Amino acid sequence: MARPQNPQRKPQLLEDILHYLQDKNLAELSFRPLAEALGISSYMLVYHFGHREQLLEEIVHRVQAQLSAPSPEQLAGLDAPALRQLLVQIWERSQTPQSRVLQRLAFEAAILQAAGAQSAPDGGSLRPPGFSLWREAVAGWLSVRGANEQKAAAEGTLFAAGLCGLWFGQVAAAEPPEGSTAAFHLLLERLLQAAP
């Protein structure tokens, strides 16, 4: 009979793996070097994650939990000042070193998925959080405020593209945080002015 999994061990392993990946690429991730770096057996990784694709899916889900956009339902009841406060808090959280690592992993996972190099075992997507979630959340907030569907969709797209672009610039082009933060505040003001 198989020994039951320790429910605390898998989340801790995932944290250790994310720490290991701070300066490594997802495309090169394999169990043996990972297990050696973590000081565990590769059997332990197989036991908790099954195979490489499942581990990648777990990593992406962890990234989603940390960086995910609010849902349209979460934003629907917020007035403009409350929305501003929430989005500023999300931006500030995104500026930590750990969030930068997660952003890099999210972009790398999206590129791997878009290139067809990686998909979930069930044929689904390993898309990280980002563009579509932010677009839907912002478009939903504008719709609740009375924006027509076309305007809400366009403004949602603009905000999502701007936000994800700012994160990408910080990760890929080492844009300084001050400039990105100033640009984020311009983007946020544009969104608030778009509300009818």
Protein backbone atom coordinates (compact mmCIF):
# COMPACT_ATOMS: atom_id res chain seq x y z
CA MET A 1 0.00 0.00 0.00
CA ALA A 2 1.34 3.43 -0.95
CA ARG A 3 2.15 5.88 1.79
CA PRO A 4 -0.23 8.89 1.84
CA GLN A 5 1.22 12.20 0.68
CA ASN A 6 2.15 14.76 3.28
CA PRO A 7 -0.11 17.73 2.35
CA GLN A 8 2.49 20.23 3.62
CA ARG A 9 5.39 18.71 1.67
CA LYS A 10 4.15 19.45 -1.85
CA PRO A 11 3.57 23.22 -1.33
CA GLN A 12 6.99 23.51 0.34
CA LEU A 13 8.61 21.63 -2.55
CA LEU A 14 6.91 23.97 -4.98
CA GLU A 15 8.28 26.98 -3.08
CA ASP A 16 11.75 25.43 -3.17
CA ILE A 17 11.39 24.81 -6.91
CA LEU A 18 10.36 28.42 -7.55
CA HIS A 19 13.39 29.56 -5.56
CA TYR A 20 15.59 27.23 -7.64
CA LEU A 21 14.12 28.71 -10.84
CA GLN A 22 15.05 32.29 -9.92
CA ASP A 23 17.94 32.20 -12.37
CA LYS A 24 16.95 29.23 -14.54
CA ASN A 25 14.67 28.64 -17.53
CA LEU A 26 11.50 26.55 -17.58
CA ALA A 27 12.47 25.11 -20.96
CA GLU A 28 15.52 23.45 -19.41
CA LEU A 29 13.77 22.14 -16.29
CA SER A 30 14.25 18.42 -15.69
CA PHE A 31 13.77 16.23 -12.62
CA ARG A 32 17.30 14.90 -12.10
CA PRO A 33 19.18 18.24 -11.88
CA LEU A 34 16.28 19.76 -9.96
CA ALA A 35 16.30 16.92 -7.41
CA GLU A 36 20.08 17.20 -7.00
CA ALA A 37 19.84 20.96 -6.44
CA LEU A 38 17.09 20.50 -3.85
CA GLY A 39 18.92 17.66 -2.10
CA ILE A 40 16.12 15.15 -2.65
CA SER A 41 15.62 12.10 -4.83
CA SER A 42 14.02 12.41 -8.24
CA TYR A 43 11.55 9.80 -6.95
CA MET A 44 10.28 12.46 -4.51
CA LEU A 45 9.51 14.76 -7.45
CA VAL A 46 7.79 11.97 -9.35
CA TYR A 47 5.83 11.04 -6.22
CA HIS A 48 4.50 14.58 -5.77
CA PHE A 49 4.28 15.85 -9.37
CA GLY A 50 4.08 12.75 -11.59
CA HIS A 51 6.08 13.98 -14.56
CA ARG A 52 7.68 17.15 -15.92
CA GLU A 53 4.51 18.41 -17.62
CA GLN A 54 2.54 18.11 -14.39
CA LEU A 55 5.26 19.97 -12.53
CA LEU A 56 5.15 22.76 -15.13
CA GLU A 57 1.38 22.93 -14.73
CA GLU A 58 1.77 23.20 -10.94
CA ILE A 59 4.32 26.00 -11.40
CA VAL A 60 1.95 27.91 -13.68
CA HIS A 61 -0.96 27.44 -11.25
CA ARG A 62 1.26 28.79 -8.46
CA VAL A 63 2.17 31.77 -10.60
CA GLN A 64 -1.53 32.31 -11.36
CA ALA A 65 -2.37 32.31 -7.67
CA GLN A 66 0.26 35.01 -7.00
CA LEU A 67 -0.23 37.26 -10.04
CA SER A 68 -3.78 36.68 -11.13
CA ALA A 69 -6.07 39.55 -12.05
CA PRO A 70 -9.19 40.16 -10.02
CA SER A 71 -12.33 38.70 -11.53
CA PRO A 72 -15.00 40.94 -13.08
CA GLU A 73 -17.22 40.00 -10.13
CA GLN A 74 -14.59 41.20 -7.65
CA LEU A 75 -14.34 44.56 -9.40
CA ALA A 76 -18.04 45.07 -10.19
CA GLY A 77 -19.02 46.73 -6.91
CA LEU A 78 -15.96 48.95 -6.60
CA ASP A 79 -16.24 52.67 -7.14
CA ALA A 80 -13.37 54.52 -8.84
CA PRO A 81 -11.40 55.33 -5.63
CA ALA A 82 -11.67 51.71 -4.43
CA LEU A 83 -10.59 50.43 -7.86
CA ARG A 84 -7.62 52.82 -7.84
CA GLN A 85 -6.60 51.63 -4.37
CA LEU A 86 -6.86 47.94 -5.35
CA LEU A 87 -4.92 48.34 -8.60
CA VAL A 88 -2.18 50.37 -6.89
CA GLN A 89 -1.85 47.60 -4.27
CA ILE A 90 -1.60 44.97 -7.01
CA TRP A 91 1.04 47.04 -8.80
CA GLU A 92 3.06 47.49 -5.60
CA ARG A 93 2.93 43.74 -4.89
CA SER A 94 4.14 43.11 -8.44
CA GLN A 95 7.32 45.06 -7.75
CA THR A 96 8.85 42.65 -5.23
CA PRO A 97 11.81 40.48 -6.30
CA GLN A 98 9.69 37.31 -5.86
CA SER A 99 6.96 38.75 -8.08
CA ARG A 100 9.54 39.57 -10.75
CA VAL A 101 10.64 35.93 -10.76
CA LEU A 102 7.02 34.83 -11.08
CA GLN A 103 6.45 37.32 -13.92
CA ARG A 104 9.47 35.97 -15.79
CA LEU A 105 8.24 32.41 -15.35
CA ALA A 106 4.76 33.47 -16.48
CA PHE A 107 6.12 35.06 -19.65
CA GLU A 108 8.35 32.08 -20.33
CA ALA A 109 5.43 29.67 -19.88
CA ALA A 110 3.29 31.76 -22.23
CA ILE A 111 6.01 31.74 -24.89
CA LEU A 112 6.51 27.98 -24.55
CA GLN A 113 2.77 27.43 -24.86
CA ALA A 114 2.37 29.81 -27.78
CA ALA A 115 5.26 28.15 -29.60
CA GLY A 116 3.57 24.79 -29.15
CA ALA A 117 6.48 23.51 -27.15
CA GLN A 118 4.38 22.86 -24.08
CA SER A 119 0.76 22.13 -23.34
CA ALA A 120 -1.01 20.67 -20.39
CA PRO A 121 -1.33 16.87 -20.30
CA ASP A 122 -5.08 17.11 -20.94
CA GLY A 123 -4.44 19.16 -24.09
CA GLY A 124 -5.37 22.39 -22.32
CA SER A 125 -3.32 25.49 -21.98
CA LEU A 126 -0.52 26.34 -19.60
CA ARG A 127 -1.14 30.03 -20.21
CA PRO A 128 -0.07 32.07 -17.24
CA PRO A 129 -2.16 34.88 -15.80
CA GLY A 130 -2.15 38.04 -17.76
CA PHE A 131 -3.67 39.63 -20.75
CA SER A 132 -7.07 37.92 -21.10
CA LEU A 133 -7.82 37.94 -17.37
CA TRP A 134 -7.01 41.63 -17.01
CA ARG A 135 -8.94 42.50 -20.19
CA GLU A 136 -12.07 40.71 -18.94
CA ALA A 137 -11.86 42.20 -15.44
CA VAL A 138 -11.43 45.77 -16.64
CA ALA A 139 -14.02 45.45 -19.42
CA GLY A 140 -16.47 44.06 -16.85
CA TRP A 141 -15.85 46.96 -14.48
CA LEU A 142 -16.47 49.48 -17.28
CA SER A 143 -19.61 47.64 -18.43
CA VAL A 144 -21.09 47.79 -14.94
CA ARG A 145 -20.51 51.56 -15.02
CA GLY A 146 -22.47 51.87 -18.27
CA ALA A 147 -19.78 51.75 -20.95
CA ASN A 148 -21.02 50.15 -24.15
CA GLU A 149 -19.65 46.72 -24.96
CA GLN A 150 -17.31 47.90 -27.70
CA LYS A 151 -15.75 50.68 -25.60
CA ALA A 152 -15.44 48.43 -22.54
CA ALA A 153 -13.68 45.75 -24.61
CA ALA A 154 -11.30 48.26 -26.21
CA GLU A 155 -10.41 49.92 -22.89
CA GLY A 156 -10.01 46.51 -21.25
CA THR A 157 -7.63 45.49 -24.04
CA LEU A 158 -5.67 48.72 -23.72
CA PHE A 159 -5.30 48.36 -19.95
CA ALA A 160 -4.32 44.68 -20.13
CA ALA A 161 -1.79 45.33 -22.89
CA GLY A 162 -0.33 48.27 -21.00
CA LEU A 163 -0.06 46.47 -17.68
CA CYS A 164 1.38 43.27 -19.14
CA GLY A 165 3.71 45.34 -21.33
CA LEU A 166 5.02 47.22 -18.31
CA TRP A 167 5.72 43.95 -16.51
CA PHE A 168 7.34 42.52 -19.61
CA GLY A 169 9.53 45.60 -19.96
CA GLN A 170 10.71 45.24 -16.38
CA VAL A 171 11.48 41.54 -16.81
CA ALA A 172 12.86 41.41 -20.35
CA ALA A 173 14.33 44.87 -20.85
CA ALA A 174 15.27 45.69 -17.24
CA GLU A 175 13.16 48.86 -17.32
CA PRO A 176 13.67 50.86 -14.12
CA PRO A 177 10.85 50.61 -11.59
CA GLU A 178 10.39 54.38 -11.34
CA GLY A 179 9.60 54.80 -15.04
CA SER A 180 7.32 51.76 -15.07
CA THR A 181 5.47 52.97 -11.99
CA ALA A 182 4.93 56.41 -13.52
CA ALA A 183 3.61 54.77 -16.70
CA PHE A 184 1.33 52.51 -14.64
CA HIS A 185 -0.23 55.56 -12.96
CA LEU A 186 -0.88 57.15 -16.37
CA LEU A 187 -2.50 53.91 -17.52
CA LEU A 188 -4.63 53.78 -14.37
CA GLU A 189 -5.81 57.37 -14.82
CA ARG A 190 -6.73 56.60 -18.44
CA LEU A 191 -8.87 53.70 -17.23
CA LEU A 192 -10.63 55.77 -14.57
CA GLN A 193 -11.37 58.55 -17.08
CA ALA A 194 -12.86 55.98 -19.48
CA ALA A 195 -15.65 55.17 -17.04
CA PRO A 196 -18.92 56.95 -17.98
